[in-house]
């Protein structure tokens, strides 16, 4: 899964939960951006590149989302 796919899945999950989901590309160094889900946030690296397993687990943890929910 790449960054764009991750953001799309989180947006869909956020809509289902009634949460405000937004991605701010300017809030991050270089090609990184910040994904806000309600009051929680995580950093998303380059949206074109694949997300490694460990980073994916960390990002889901930041957003308090279980891997099975994604």
PDB file of N, CA and C in Angstrom:
ATOM      1  N   UNK A   1       0.854  -1.170   0.000  1.00  0.00           N
ATOM      2  CA  UNK A   1       0.000   0.000   0.000  1.00  0.00           C
ATOM      3  C   UNK A   1       0.901   1.233   0.000  1.00  0.00           C
ATOM      4  N   UNK A   2       0.561   2.199  -0.853  1.00  0.00           N
ATOM      5  CA  UNK A   2       1.335   3.440  -0.854  1.00  0.00           C
ATOM      6  C   UNK A   2       0.606   4.506  -0.030  1.00  0.00           C
ATOM      7  N   UNK A   3       1.205   5.675   0.067  1.00  0.00           N
ATOM      8  CA  UNK A   3       0.637   6.737   0.891  1.00  0.00           C
ATOM      9  C   UNK A   3      -0.747   7.183   0.449  1.00  0.00           C
ATOM     10  N   UNK A   4      -0.967   7.284  -0.856  1.00  0.00           N
ATOM     11  CA  UNK A   4      -2.282   7.707  -1.363  1.00  0.00           C
ATOM     12  C   UNK A   4      -3.363   6.691  -1.009  1.00  0.00           C
ATOM     13  N   UNK A   5      -3.037   5.416  -1.148  1.00  0.00           N
ATOM     14  CA  UNK A   5      -3.997   4.367  -0.809  1.00  0.00           C
ATOM     15  C   UNK A   5      -4.309   4.394   0.685  1.00  0.00           C
ATOM     16  N   UNK A   6      -3.281   4.624   1.507  1.00  0.00           N
ATOM     17  CA  UNK A   6      -3.478   4.705   2.953  1.00  0.00           C
ATOM     18  C   UNK A   6      -4.423   5.854   3.300  1.00  0.00           C
ATOM     19  N   UNK A   7      -4.174   7.013   2.726  1.00  0.00           N
ATOM     20  CA  UNK A   7      -5.015   8.183   2.997  1.00  0.00           C
ATOM     21  C   UNK A   7      -6.452   7.915   2.568  1.00  0.00           C
ATOM     22  N   UNK A   8      -6.643   7.300   1.404  1.00  0.00           N
ATOM     23  CA  UNK A   8      -7.993   7.001   0.911  1.00  0.00           C
ATOM     24  C   UNK A   8      -8.723   6.052   1.856  1.00  0.00           C
ATOM     25  N   UNK A   9      -8.031   5.033   2.342  1.00  0.00           N
ATOM     26  CA  UNK A   9      -8.670   4.076   3.262  1.00  0.00           C
ATOM     27  C   UNK A   9      -9.018   4.730   4.593  1.00  0.00           C
ATOM     28  N   UNK A  10      -8.132   5.591   5.075  1.00  0.00           N
ATOM     29  CA  UNK A  10      -8.396   6.282   6.341  1.00  0.00           C
ATOM     30  C   UNK A  10      -9.563   7.255   6.173  1.00  0.00           C
ATOM     31  N   UNK A  11      -9.648   7.933   5.035  1.00  0.00           N
ATOM     32  CA  UNK A  11     -10.782   8.837   4.786  1.00  0.00           C
ATOM     33  C   UNK A  11     -12.099   8.063   4.800  1.00  0.00           C
ATOM     34  N   UNK A  12     -12.114   6.907   4.160  1.00  0.00           N
ATOM     35  CA  UNK A  12     -13.322   6.081   4.118  1.00  0.00           C
ATOM     36  C   UNK A  12     -13.706   5.623   5.527  1.00  0.00           C
ATOM     37  N   UNK A  13     -12.723   5.180   6.297  1.00  0.00           N
ATOM     38  CA  UNK A  13     -12.960   4.745   7.669  1.00  0.00           C
ATOM     39  C   UNK A  13     -13.430   5.916   8.528  1.00  0.00           C
ATOM     40  N   UNK A  14     -12.818   7.076   8.346  1.00  0.00           N
ATOM     41  CA  UNK A  14     -13.201   8.268   9.105  1.00  0.00           C
ATOM     42  C   UNK A  14     -14.629   8.692   8.816  1.00  0.00           C
ATOM     43  N   UNK A  15     -15.026   8.647   7.533  1.00  0.00           N
ATOM     44  CA  UNK A  15     -16.409   8.986   7.167  1.00  0.00           C
ATOM     45  C   UNK A  15     -17.391   8.040   7.843  1.00  0.00           C
ATOM     46  N   UNK A  16     -17.057   6.754   7.865  1.00  0.00           N
ATOM     47  CA  UNK A  16     -17.928   5.757   8.491  1.00  0.00           C
ATOM     48  C   UNK A  16     -18.073   6.011   9.988  1.00  0.00           C
ATOM     49  N   UNK A  17     -17.035   6.555  10.602  1.00  0.00           N
ATOM     50  CA  UNK A  17     -17.061   6.849  12.041  1.00  0.00           C
ATOM     51  C   UNK A  17     -17.548   8.265  12.348  1.00  0.00           C
ATOM     52  N   UNK A  18     -17.770   9.062  11.317  1.00  0.00           N
ATOM     53  CA  UNK A  18     -18.222  10.435  11.519  1.00  0.00           C
ATOM     54  C   UNK A  18     -17.121  11.369  11.990  1.00  0.00           C
ATOM     55  N   UNK A  19     -15.873  11.077  11.624  1.00  0.00           N
ATOM     56  CA  UNK A  19     -14.737  11.896  12.042  1.00  0.00           C
ATOM     57  C   UNK A  19     -14.269  12.798  10.909  1.00  0.00           C
ATOM     58  N   UNK A  20     -13.721  13.940  11.274  1.00  0.00           N
ATOM     59  CA  UNK A  20     -13.128  14.858  10.304  1.00  0.00           C
ATOM     60  C   UNK A  20     -11.752  14.317   9.925  1.00  0.00           C
ATOM     61  N   UNK A  21     -11.519  14.083   8.635  1.00  0.00           N
ATOM     62  CA  UNK A  21     -10.233  13.582   8.153  1.00  0.00           C
ATOM     63  C   UNK A  21      -9.689  14.573   7.137  1.00  0.00           C
ATOM     64  N   UNK A  22      -8.436  15.014   7.356  1.00  0.00           N
ATOM     65  CA  UNK A  22      -7.831  15.926   6.384  1.00  0.00           C
ATOM     66  C   UNK A  22      -6.337  15.669   6.309  1.00  0.00           C
ATOM     67  N   UNK A  23      -5.806  15.878   5.110  1.00  0.00           N
ATOM     68  CA  UNK A  23      -4.378  15.720   4.863  1.00  0.00           C
ATOM     69  C   UNK A  23      -3.808  17.084   4.528  1.00  0.00           C
ATOM     70  N   UNK A  24      -2.757  17.478   5.225  1.00  0.00           N
ATOM     71  CA  UNK A  24      -2.119  18.772   5.005  1.00  0.00           C
ATOM     72  C   UNK A  24      -0.685  18.515   4.543  1.00  0.00           C
ATOM     73  N   UNK A  25      -0.470  18.701   3.242  1.00  0.00           N
ATOM     74  CA  UNK A  25       0.848  18.427   2.655  1.00  0.00           C
ATOM     75  C   UNK A  25       1.912  19.396   3.152  1.00  0.00           C
ATOM     76  N   UNK A  26       1.520  20.614   3.486  1.00  0.00           N
ATOM     77  CA  UNK A  26       2.500  21.621   3.911  1.00  0.00           C
ATOM     78  C   UNK A  26       2.991  21.396   5.339  1.00  0.00           C
ATOM     79  N   UNK A  27       2.335  20.526   6.096  1.00  0.00           N
ATOM     80  CA  UNK A  27       2.743  20.250   7.480  1.00  0.00           C
ATOM     81  C   UNK A  27       3.589  18.986   7.516  1.00  0.00           C
ATOM     82  N   UNK A  28       4.768  19.087   6.962  1.00  0.00           N
ATOM     83  CA  UNK A  28       5.685  17.957   6.953  1.00  0.00           C
ATOM     84  C   UNK A  28       6.915  18.321   6.143  1.00  0.00           C
ATOM     85  N   UNK A  29       8.045  17.709   6.467  1.00  0.00           N
ATOM     86  CA  UNK A  29       9.272  18.027   5.735  1.00  0.00           C
ATOM     87  C   UNK A  29       9.292  17.377   4.356  1.00  0.00           C
ATOM     88  N   UNK A  30       9.732  18.097   3.353  1.00  0.00           N
ATOM     89  CA  UNK A  30       9.880  17.537   2.010  1.00  0.00           C
ATOM     90  C   UNK A  30       8.589  16.981   1.448  1.00  0.00           C
ATOM     91  N   UNK A  31       8.597  15.698   1.116  1.00  0.00           N
ATOM     92  CA  UNK A  31       7.429  15.064   0.505  1.00  0.00           C
ATOM     93  C   UNK A  31       6.472  14.490   1.547  1.00  0.00           C
ATOM     94  N   UNK A  32       6.734  14.725   2.818  1.00  0.00           N
ATOM     95  CA  UNK A  32       5.872  14.239   3.889  1.00  0.00           C
ATOM     96  C   UNK A  32       4.702  15.199   4.106  1.00  0.00           C
ATOM     97  N   UNK A  33       3.650  14.698   4.733  1.00  0.00           N
ATOM     98  CA  UNK A  33       2.510  15.522   5.099  1.00  0.00           C
ATOM     99  C   UNK A  33       1.904  14.979   6.374  1.00  0.00           C
ATOM    100  N   UNK A  34       0.948  15.696   6.922  1.00  0.00           N
ATOM    101  CA  UNK A  34       0.302  15.278   8.156  1.00  0.00           C
ATOM    102  C   UNK A  34      -1.146  14.929   7.882  1.00  0.00           C
ATOM    103  N   UNK A  35      -1.560  13.763   8.380  1.00  0.00           N
ATOM    104  CA  UNK A  35      -2.929  13.291   8.248  1.00  0.00           C
ATOM    105  C   UNK A  35      -3.606  13.447   9.604  1.00  0.00           C
ATOM    106  N   UNK A  36      -4.677  14.228   9.646  1.00  0.00           N
ATOM    107  CA  UNK A  36      -5.439  14.453  10.866  1.00  0.00           C
ATOM    108  C   UNK A  36      -6.725  13.641  10.805  1.00  0.00           C
ATOM    109  N   UNK A  37      -7.008  12.907  11.874  1.00  0.00           N
ATOM    110  CA  UNK A  37      -8.255  12.144  11.993  1.00  0.00           C
ATOM    111  C   UNK A  37      -8.845  12.517  13.344  1.00  0.00           C
ATOM    112  N   UNK A  38      -9.871  13.358  13.319  1.00  0.00           N
ATOM    113  CA  UNK A  38     -10.403  13.880  14.570  1.00  0.00           C
ATOM    114  C   UNK A  38      -9.315  14.678  15.266  1.00  0.00           C
ATOM    115  N   UNK A  39      -9.008  14.328  16.521  1.00  0.00           N
ATOM    116  CA  UNK A  39      -7.971  15.042  17.269  1.00  0.00           C
ATOM    117  C   UNK A  39      -6.607  14.349  17.176  1.00  0.00           C
ATOM    118  N   UNK A  40      -6.530  13.252  16.439  1.00  0.00           N
ATOM    119  CA  UNK A  40      -5.288  12.493  16.309  1.00  0.00           C
ATOM    120  C   UNK A  40      -4.586  12.833  14.998  1.00  0.00           C
ATOM    121  N   UNK A  41      -3.278  12.578  14.950  1.00  0.00           N
ATOM    122  CA  UNK A  41      -2.543  12.871  13.716  1.00  0.00           C
ATOM    123  C   UNK A  41      -1.390  11.897  13.545  1.00  0.00           C
ATOM    124  N   UNK A  42      -0.948  11.759  12.297  1.00  0.00           N
ATOM    125  CA  UNK A  42       0.235  10.977  11.976  1.00  0.00           C
ATOM    126  C   UNK A  42       0.901  11.595  10.757  1.00  0.00           C
ATOM    127  N   UNK A  43       2.165  11.290  10.569  1.00  0.00           N
ATOM    128  CA  UNK A  43       2.901  11.782   9.412  1.00  0.00           C
ATOM    129  C   UNK A  43       2.882  10.718   8.325  1.00  0.00           C
ATOM    130  N   UNK A  44       2.578  11.149   7.102  1.00  0.00           N
ATOM    131  CA  UNK A  44       2.569  10.245   5.952  1.00  0.00           C
ATOM    132  C   UNK A  44       3.756  10.618   5.076  1.00  0.00           C
ATOM    133  N   UNK A  45       4.605   9.619   4.782  1.00  0.00           N
ATOM    134  CA  UNK A  45       5.762   9.908   3.933  1.00  0.00           C
ATOM    135  C   UNK A  45       5.304  10.061   2.488  1.00  0.00           C
ATOM    136  N   UNK A  46       6.239  10.122   1.580  1.00  0.00           N
ATOM    137  CA  UNK A  46       5.957  10.300   0.151  1.00  0.00           C
ATOM    138  C   UNK A  46       4.754   9.458  -0.268  1.00  0.00           C
ATOM    139  N   UNK A  47       3.722  10.108  -0.770  1.00  0.00           N
ATOM    140  CA  UNK A  47       2.467   9.426  -1.091  1.00  0.00           C
ATOM    141  C   UNK A  47       2.572   8.472  -2.267  1.00  0.00           C
ATOM    142  N   UNK A  48       3.655   8.545  -3.019  1.00  0.00           N
ATOM    143  CA  UNK A  48       3.820   7.666  -4.183  1.00  0.00           C
ATOM    144  C   UNK A  48       4.546   6.368  -3.839  1.00  0.00           C
ATOM    145  N   UNK A  49       5.241   6.354  -2.716  1.00  0.00           N
ATOM    146  CA  UNK A  49       6.055   5.197  -2.349  1.00  0.00           C
ATOM    147  C   UNK A  49       5.303   4.250  -1.419  1.00  0.00           C
ATOM    148  N   UNK A  50       5.732   2.996  -1.442  1.00  0.00           N
ATOM    149  CA  UNK A  50       5.148   1.978  -0.581  1.00  0.00           C
ATOM    150  C   UNK A  50       5.450   2.279   0.886  1.00  0.00           C
ATOM    151  N   UNK A  51       4.504   1.934   1.746  1.00  0.00           N
ATOM    152  CA  UNK A  51       4.670   2.093   3.187  1.00  0.00           C
ATOM    153  C   UNK A  51       5.112   0.743   3.737  1.00  0.00           C
ATOM    154  N   UNK A  52       6.220   0.724   4.450  1.00  0.00           N
ATOM    155  CA  UNK A  52       6.719  -0.512   5.050  1.00  0.00           C
ATOM    156  C   UNK A  52       5.806  -0.992   6.172  1.00  0.00           C
ATOM    157  N   UNK A  53       5.915  -2.273   6.495  1.00  0.00           N
ATOM    158  CA  UNK A  53       5.055  -2.892   7.508  1.00  0.00           C
ATOM    159  C   UNK A  53       5.173  -2.201   8.872  1.00  0.00           C
ATOM    160  N   UNK A  54       6.403  -1.949   9.309  1.00  0.00           N
ATOM    161  CA  UNK A  54       6.616  -1.318  10.608  1.00  0.00           C
ATOM    162  C   UNK A  54       6.069   0.096  10.666  1.00  0.00           C
ATOM    163  N   UNK A  55       6.278   0.856   9.594  1.00  0.00           N
ATOM    164  CA  UNK A  55       5.768   2.226   9.544  1.00  0.00           C
ATOM    165  C   UNK A  55       4.244   2.232   9.523  1.00  0.00           C
ATOM    166  N   UNK A  56       3.653   1.291   8.802  1.00  0.00           N
ATOM    167  CA  UNK A  56       2.192   1.196   8.746  1.00  0.00           C
ATOM    168  C   UNK A  56       1.614   0.942  10.137  1.00  0.00           C
ATOM    169  N   UNK A  57       2.230   0.037  10.880  1.00  0.00           N
ATOM    170  CA  UNK A  57       1.782  -0.260  12.243  1.00  0.00           C
ATOM    171  C   UNK A  57       1.887   0.988  13.115  1.00  0.00           C
ATOM    172  N   UNK A  58       2.982   1.737  12.977  1.00  0.00           N
ATOM    173  CA  UNK A  58       3.178   2.965  13.764  1.00  0.00           C
ATOM    174  C   UNK A  58       2.131   4.018  13.416  1.00  0.00           C
ATOM    175  N   UNK A  59       1.849   4.190  12.117  1.00  0.00           N
ATOM    176  CA  UNK A  59       0.865   5.187  11.694  1.00  0.00           C
ATOM    177  C   UNK A  59      -0.526   4.822  12.204  1.00  0.00           C
ATOM    178  N   UNK A  60      -0.883   3.547  12.129  1.00  0.00           N
ATOM    179  CA  UNK A  60      -2.184   3.105  12.640  1.00  0.00           C
ATOM    180  C   UNK A  60      -2.257   3.293  14.152  1.00  0.00           C
ATOM    181  N   UNK A  61      -1.156   3.036  14.837  1.00  0.00           N
ATOM    182  CA  UNK A  61      -1.096   3.236  16.284  1.00  0.00           C
ATOM    183  C   UNK A  61      -1.299   4.711  16.636  1.00  0.00           C
ATOM    184  N   UNK A  62      -0.666   5.604  15.875  1.00  0.00           N
ATOM    185  CA  UNK A  62      -0.831   7.046  16.095  1.00  0.00           C
ATOM    186  C   UNK A  62      -2.298   7.449  15.997  1.00  0.00           C
ATOM    187  N   UNK A  63      -3.030   6.794  15.084  1.00  0.00           N
ATOM    188  CA  UNK A  63      -4.437   7.135  14.840  1.00  0.00           C
ATOM    189  C   UNK A  63      -5.399   6.267  15.651  1.00  0.00           C
ATOM    190  N   UNK A  64      -4.844   5.387  16.491  1.00  0.00           N
ATOM    191  CA  UNK A  64      -5.634   4.473  17.320  1.00  0.00           C
ATOM    192  C   UNK A  64      -6.599   3.640  16.474  1.00  0.00           C
ATOM    193  N   UNK A  65      -6.068   3.074  15.393  1.00  0.00           N
ATOM    194  CA  UNK A  65      -6.834   2.223  14.487  1.00  0.00           C
ATOM    195  C   UNK A  65      -6.172   0.857  14.470  1.00  0.00           C
ATOM    196  N   UNK A  66      -6.969  -0.194  14.625  1.00  0.00           N
ATOM    197  CA  UNK A  66      -6.440  -1.552  14.560  1.00  0.00           C
ATOM    198  C   UNK A  66      -6.155  -1.943  13.120  1.00  0.00           C
ATOM    199  N   UNK A  67      -5.157  -2.779  12.936  1.00  0.00           N
ATOM    200  CA  UNK A  67      -4.785  -3.198  11.578  1.00  0.00           C
ATOM    201  C   UNK A  67      -5.943  -3.899  10.871  1.00  0.00           C
ATOM    202  N   UNK A  68      -6.747  -4.651  11.617  1.00  0.00           N
ATOM    203  CA  UNK A  68      -7.876  -5.374  11.022  1.00  0.00           C
ATOM    204  C   UNK A  68      -8.977  -4.430  10.534  1.00  0.00           C
ATOM    205  N   UNK A  69      -9.025  -3.220  11.060  1.00  0.00           N
ATOM    206  CA  UNK A  69     -10.026  -2.238  10.627  1.00  0.00           C
ATOM    207  C   UNK A  69      -9.698  -1.645   9.264  1.00  0.00           C
ATOM    208  N   UNK A  70      -8.423  -1.683   8.907  1.00  0.00           N
ATOM    209  CA  UNK A  70      -7.995  -1.087   7.645  1.00  0.00           C
ATOM    210  C   UNK A  70      -8.300  -2.031   6.510  1.00  0.00           C
TER     211      UNK A  70
END
